[in-house]
PDB file of N, CA and C in Angstrom:
ATOM      1  N   UNK A   1       0.814  -1.179   0.000  1.00  0.00           N
ATOM      2  CA  UNK A   1       0.000   0.000   0.000  1.00  0.00           C
ATOM      3  C   UNK A   1       0.873   1.263   0.000  1.00  0.00           C
ATOM      4  N   UNK A   2       1.940   1.267   0.780  1.00  0.00           N
ATOM      5  CA  UNK A   2       2.801   2.445   0.819  1.00  0.00           C
ATOM      6  C   UNK A   2       3.455   2.708  -0.536  1.00  0.00           C
ATOM      7  N   UNK A   3       3.822   1.642  -1.229  1.00  0.00           N
ATOM      8  CA  UNK A   3       4.444   1.823  -2.540  1.00  0.00           C
ATOM      9  C   UNK A   3       3.464   2.450  -3.523  1.00  0.00           C
ATOM     10  N   UNK A   4       2.218   2.011  -3.485  1.00  0.00           N
ATOM     11  CA  UNK A   4       1.233   2.584  -4.406  1.00  0.00           C
ATOM     12  C   UNK A   4       0.961   4.045  -4.065  1.00  0.00           C
ATOM     13  N   UNK A   5       0.947   4.392  -2.781  1.00  0.00           N
ATOM     14  CA  UNK A   5       0.759   5.794  -2.393  1.00  0.00           C
ATOM     15  C   UNK A   5       1.954   6.646  -2.834  1.00  0.00           C
ATOM     16  N   UNK A   6       3.149   6.073  -2.779  1.00  0.00           N
ATOM     17  CA  UNK A   6       4.334   6.787  -3.280  1.00  0.00           C
ATOM     18  C   UNK A   6       4.240   6.996  -4.787  1.00  0.00           C
ATOM     19  N   UNK A   7       3.810   5.968  -5.505  1.00  0.00           N
ATOM     20  CA  UNK A   7       3.671   6.079  -6.957  1.00  0.00           C
ATOM     21  C   UNK A   7       2.635   7.125  -7.344  1.00  0.00           C
ATOM     22  N   UNK A   8       1.610   7.296  -6.510  1.00  0.00           N
ATOM     23  CA  UNK A   8       0.573   8.297  -6.759  1.00  0.00           C
ATOM     24  C   UNK A   8       0.986   9.683  -6.279  1.00  0.00           C
ATOM     25  N   UNK A   9       2.193   9.796  -5.714  1.00  0.00           N
ATOM     26  CA  UNK A   9       2.720  11.054  -5.167  1.00  0.00           C
ATOM     27  C   UNK A   9       1.911  11.548  -3.964  1.00  0.00           C
ATOM     28  N   UNK A  10       1.230  10.618  -3.280  1.00  0.00           N
ATOM     29  CA  UNK A  10       0.443  10.970  -2.101  1.00  0.00           C
ATOM     30  C   UNK A  10       1.321  11.036  -0.851  1.00  0.00           C
ATOM     31  N   UNK A  11       2.438  10.309  -0.873  1.00  0.00           N
ATOM     32  CA  UNK A  11       3.399  10.343   0.234  1.00  0.00           C
ATOM     33  C   UNK A  11       4.809  10.389  -0.336  1.00  0.00           C
ATOM     34  N   UNK A  12       5.733  10.855   0.483  1.00  0.00           N
ATOM     35  CA  UNK A  12       7.157  10.826   0.160  1.00  0.00           C
ATOM     36  C   UNK A  12       7.860  10.059   1.264  1.00  0.00           C
ATOM     37  N   UNK A  13       8.901   9.348   0.912  1.00  0.00           N
ATOM     38  CA  UNK A  13       9.655   8.602   1.922  1.00  0.00           C
ATOM     39  C   UNK A  13      11.069   9.154   2.021  1.00  0.00           C
ATOM     40  N   UNK A  14      11.654   8.965   3.194  1.00  0.00           N
ATOM     41  CA  UNK A  14      13.042   9.349   3.416  1.00  0.00           C
ATOM     42  C   UNK A  14      13.621   8.474   4.517  1.00  0.00           C
ATOM     43  N   UNK A  15      14.936   8.362   4.507  1.00  0.00           N
ATOM     44  CA  UNK A  15      15.649   7.526   5.473  1.00  0.00           C
ATOM     45  C   UNK A  15      16.369   8.396   6.497  1.00  0.00           C
ATOM     46  N   UNK A  16      16.364   7.939   7.747  1.00  0.00           N
ATOM     47  CA  UNK A  16      17.146   8.568   8.810  1.00  0.00           C
ATOM     48  C   UNK A  16      17.841   7.490   9.621  1.00  0.00           C
ATOM     49  N   UNK A  17      18.990   7.848  10.181  1.00  0.00           N
ATOM     50  CA  UNK A  17      19.710   6.926  11.047  1.00  0.00           C
ATOM     51  C   UNK A  17      19.102   6.974  12.443  1.00  0.00           C
ATOM     52  N   UNK A  18      18.832   5.812  13.003  1.00  0.00           N
ATOM     53  CA  UNK A  18      18.297   5.712  14.359  1.00  0.00           C
ATOM     54  C   UNK A  18      19.447   5.743  15.357  1.00  0.00           C
ATOM     55  N   UNK A  19      19.106   5.888  16.635  1.00  0.00           N
ATOM     56  CA  UNK A  19      20.127   5.922  17.688  1.00  0.00           C
ATOM     57  C   UNK A  19      20.945   4.633  17.754  1.00  0.00           C
ATOM     58  N   UNK A  20      20.320   3.509  17.368  1.00  0.00           N
ATOM     59  CA  UNK A  20      21.009   2.221  17.437  1.00  0.00           C
ATOM     60  C   UNK A  20      21.863   1.937  16.202  1.00  0.00           C
ATOM     61  N   UNK A  21      21.970   2.922  15.304  1.00  0.00           N
ATOM     62  CA  UNK A  21      22.810   2.761  14.126  1.00  0.00           C
ATOM     63  C   UNK A  21      22.090   2.221  12.906  1.00  0.00           C
ATOM     64  N   UNK A  22      20.899   1.709  13.077  1.00  0.00           N
ATOM     65  CA  UNK A  22      20.129   1.206  11.947  1.00  0.00           C
ATOM     66  C   UNK A  22      19.429   2.373  11.252  1.00  0.00           C
ATOM     67  N   UNK A  23      19.101   2.159  10.004  1.00  0.00           N
ATOM     68  CA  UNK A  23      18.385   3.173   9.237  1.00  0.00           C
ATOM     69  C   UNK A  23      16.893   2.871   9.289  1.00  0.00           C
ATOM     70  N   UNK A  24      16.103   3.912   9.391  1.00  0.00           N
ATOM     71  CA  UNK A  24      14.649   3.765   9.407  1.00  0.00           C
ATOM     72  C   UNK A  24      14.053   4.591   8.276  1.00  0.00           C
ATOM     73  N   UNK A  25      13.007   4.035   7.691  1.00  0.00           N
ATOM     74  CA  UNK A  25      12.321   4.731   6.611  1.00  0.00           C
ATOM     75  C   UNK A  25      11.098   5.428   7.189  1.00  0.00           C
ATOM     76  N   UNK A  26      10.959   6.699   6.853  1.00  0.00           N
ATOM     77  CA  UNK A  26       9.839   7.504   7.316  1.00  0.00           C
ATOM     78  C   UNK A  26       9.033   7.971   6.115  1.00  0.00           C
ATOM     79  N   UNK A  27       7.779   8.295   6.376  1.00  0.00           N
ATOM     80  CA  UNK A  27       6.892   8.745   5.318  1.00  0.00           C
ATOM     81  C   UNK A  27       6.253  10.067   5.695  1.00  0.00           C
ATOM     82  N   UNK A  28       6.048  10.904   4.695  1.00  0.00           N
ATOM     83  CA  UNK A  28       5.432  12.208   4.890  1.00  0.00           C
ATOM     84  C   UNK A  28       4.321  12.368   3.859  1.00  0.00           C
ATOM     85  N   UNK A  29       3.152  12.840   4.332  1.00  0.00           N
ATOM     86  CA  UNK A  29       2.047  13.063   3.409  1.00  0.00           C
ATOM     87  C   UNK A  29       2.322  14.333   2.597  1.00  0.00           C
ATOM     88  N   UNK A  30       1.954  14.300   1.321  1.00  0.00           N
ATOM     89  CA  UNK A  30       2.133  15.438   0.431  1.00  0.00           C
ATOM     90  C   UNK A  30       0.804  16.177   0.281  1.00  0.00           C
ATOM     91  N   UNK A  31       0.813  17.273  -0.443  1.00  0.00           N
ATOM     92  CA  UNK A  31      -0.442  17.990  -0.711  1.00  0.00           C
ATOM     93  C   UNK A  31      -1.398  17.113  -1.507  1.00  0.00           C
ATOM     94  N   UNK A  32      -0.865  16.354  -2.433  1.00  0.00           N
ATOM     95  CA  UNK A  32      -1.694  15.405  -3.191  1.00  0.00           C
ATOM     96  C   UNK A  32      -2.308  14.393  -2.227  1.00  0.00           C
ATOM     97  N   UNK A  33      -1.521  13.929  -1.270  1.00  0.00           N
ATOM     98  CA  UNK A  33      -2.003  12.971  -0.282  1.00  0.00           C
ATOM     99  C   UNK A  33      -3.060  13.559   0.626  1.00  0.00           C
ATOM    100  N   UNK A  34      -2.890  14.821   1.003  1.00  0.00           N
ATOM    101  CA  UNK A  34      -3.895  15.484   1.836  1.00  0.00           C
ATOM    102  C   UNK A  34      -5.222  15.597   1.098  1.00  0.00           C
ATOM    103  N   UNK A  35      -5.170  15.913  -0.193  1.00  0.00           N
ATOM    104  CA  UNK A  35      -6.390  15.987  -1.011  1.00  0.00           C
ATOM    105  C   UNK A  35      -7.027  14.608  -1.126  1.00  0.00           C
ATOM    106  N   UNK A  36      -6.220  13.600  -1.366  1.00  0.00           N
ATOM    107  CA  UNK A  36      -6.713  12.225  -1.459  1.00  0.00           C
ATOM    108  C   UNK A  36      -7.376  11.804  -0.147  1.00  0.00           C
ATOM    109  N   UNK A  37      -6.765  12.160   0.972  1.00  0.00           N
ATOM    110  CA  UNK A  37      -7.318  11.832   2.283  1.00  0.00           C
ATOM    111  C   UNK A  37      -8.677  12.496   2.476  1.00  0.00           C
ATOM    112  N   UNK A  38      -8.800  13.765   2.126  1.00  0.00           N
ATOM    113  CA  UNK A  38     -10.083  14.461   2.260  1.00  0.00           C
ATOM    114  C   UNK A  38     -11.149  13.821   1.370  1.00  0.00           C
ATOM    115  N   UNK A  39     -10.775  13.440   0.148  1.00  0.00           N
ATOM    116  CA  UNK A  39     -11.713  12.764  -0.757  1.00  0.00           C
ATOM    117  C   UNK A  39     -12.174  11.427  -0.174  1.00  0.00           C
ATOM    118  N   UNK A  40     -11.244  10.675   0.389  1.00  0.00           N
ATOM    119  CA  UNK A  40     -11.589   9.369   0.968  1.00  0.00           C
ATOM    120  C   UNK A  40     -12.458   9.524   2.213  1.00  0.00           C
ATOM    121  N   UNK A  41     -12.208  10.560   3.012  1.00  0.00           N
ATOM    122  CA  UNK A  41     -13.053  10.819   4.180  1.00  0.00           C
ATOM    123  C   UNK A  41     -14.480  11.115   3.742  1.00  0.00           C
ATOM    124  N   UNK A  42     -14.615  11.911   2.705  1.00  0.00           N
ATOM    125  CA  UNK A  42     -15.933  12.255   2.178  1.00  0.00           C
ATOM    126  C   UNK A  42     -16.650  11.010   1.654  1.00  0.00           C
ATOM    127  N   UNK A  43     -15.921  10.182   0.909  1.00  0.00           N
ATOM    128  CA  UNK A  43     -16.490   8.919   0.409  1.00  0.00           C
ATOM    129  C   UNK A  43     -16.956   8.044   1.572  1.00  0.00           C
ATOM    130  N   UNK A  44     -16.155   7.969   2.629  1.00  0.00           N
ATOM    131  CA  UNK A  44     -16.483   7.136   3.780  1.00  0.00           C
ATOM    132  C   UNK A  44     -17.746   7.639   4.474  1.00  0.00           C
ATOM    133  N   UNK A  45     -17.884   8.939   4.605  1.00  0.00           N
ATOM    134  CA  UNK A  45     -19.076   9.502   5.239  1.00  0.00           C
ATOM    135  C   UNK A  45     -20.330   9.168   4.437  1.00  0.00           C
ATOM    136  N   UNK A  46     -20.251   9.276   3.128  1.00  0.00           N
ATOM    137  CA  UNK A  46     -21.390   8.927   2.272  1.00  0.00           C
ATOM    138  C   UNK A  46     -21.733   7.455   2.429  1.00  0.00           C
ATOM    139  N   UNK A  47     -20.717   6.609   2.418  1.00  0.00           N
ATOM    140  CA  UNK A  47     -20.921   5.161   2.550  1.00  0.00           C
ATOM    141  C   UNK A  47     -21.549   4.809   3.898  1.00  0.00           C
ATOM    142  N   UNK A  48     -21.011   5.361   4.988  1.00  0.00           N
ATOM    143  CA  UNK A  48     -21.537   5.014   6.312  1.00  0.00           C
ATOM    144  C   UNK A  48     -22.963   5.518   6.498  1.00  0.00           C
ATOM    145  N   UNK A  49     -23.286   6.677   5.953  1.00  0.00           N
ATOM    146  CA  UNK A  49     -24.664   7.168   6.034  1.00  0.00           C
ATOM    147  C   UNK A  49     -25.618   6.235   5.302  1.00  0.00           C
ATOM    148  N   UNK A  50     -25.198   5.757   4.132  1.00  0.00           N
ATOM    149  CA  UNK A  50     -26.038   4.844   3.355  1.00  0.00           C
ATOM    150  C   UNK A  50     -26.242   3.529   4.086  1.00  0.00           C
ATOM    151  N   UNK A  51     -25.166   2.973   4.641  1.00  0.00           N
ATOM    152  CA  UNK A  51     -25.282   1.699   5.366  1.00  0.00           C
ATOM    153  C   UNK A  51     -26.138   1.880   6.611  1.00  0.00           C
ATOM    154  N   UNK A  52     -25.913   2.955   7.354  1.00  0.00           N
ATOM    155  CA  UNK A  52     -26.699   3.190   8.562  1.00  0.00           C
ATOM    156  C   UNK A  52     -28.173   3.402   8.262  1.00  0.00           C
ATOM    157  N   UNK A  53     -28.488   3.989   7.129  1.00  0.00           N
ATOM    158  CA  UNK A  53     -29.898   4.166   6.783  1.00  0.00           C
ATOM    159  C   UNK A  53     -30.558   2.825   6.467  1.00  0.00           C
ATOM    160  N   UNK A  54     -29.781   1.883   5.961  1.00  0.00           N
ATOM    161  CA  UNK A  54     -30.324   0.550   5.644  1.00  0.00           C
ATOM    162  C   UNK A  54     -30.484  -0.279   6.914  1.00  0.00           C
ATOM    163  N   UNK A  55     -29.463  -0.253   7.783  1.00  0.00           N
ATOM    164  CA  UNK A  55     -29.518  -1.108   8.975  1.00  0.00           C
ATOM    165  C   UNK A  55     -30.083  -0.400  10.195  1.00  0.00           C
ATOM    166  N   UNK A  56     -30.332   0.893  10.071  1.00  0.00           N
ATOM    167  CA  UNK A  56     -30.908   1.633  11.192  1.00  0.00           C
ATOM    168  C   UNK A  56     -29.913   1.930  12.277  1.00  0.00           C
ATOM    169  N   UNK A  57     -28.641   2.004  11.917  1.00  0.00           N
ATOM    170  CA  UNK A  57     -27.597   2.285  12.904  1.00  0.00           C
ATOM    171  C   UNK A  57     -27.493   3.744  13.245  1.00  0.00           C
ATOM    172  N   UNK A  58     -26.683   4.044  14.219  1.00  0.00           N
ATOM    173  CA  UNK A  58     -26.458   5.419  14.672  1.00  0.00           C
ATOM    174  C   UNK A  58     -25.407   6.060  13.771  1.00  0.00           C
ATOM    175  N   UNK A  59     -25.618   7.286  13.372  1.00  0.00           N
ATOM    176  CA  UNK A  59     -24.703   7.990  12.495  1.00  0.00           C
ATOM    177  C   UNK A  59     -23.917   9.021  13.285  1.00  0.00           C
ATOM    178  N   UNK A  60     -22.571   8.904  13.273  1.00  0.00           N
ATOM    179  CA  UNK A  60     -21.704   9.861  13.957  1.00  0.00           C
ATOM    180  C   UNK A  60     -21.334  10.964  12.982  1.00  0.00           C
ATOM    181  N   UNK A  61     -21.599  12.201  13.334  1.00  0.00           N
ATOM    182  CA  UNK A  61     -21.233  13.329  12.466  1.00  0.00           C
ATOM    183  C   UNK A  61     -20.473  14.342  13.222  1.00  0.00           C
TER     184      UNK A  61
END
């Protein structure tokens, strides 16, 4: 999943040295990623409202 997000330019990765001498890979969200996240949140809200209307569940807003 992280590789596909990198390919979509939604995240960037970089390496840093840890205190124990090993290298760790870190990820940072990009502006493209922030837009994608907002779109997915909106999609999720629409989906949960639809499911809750069918099953009669409680809707958190």
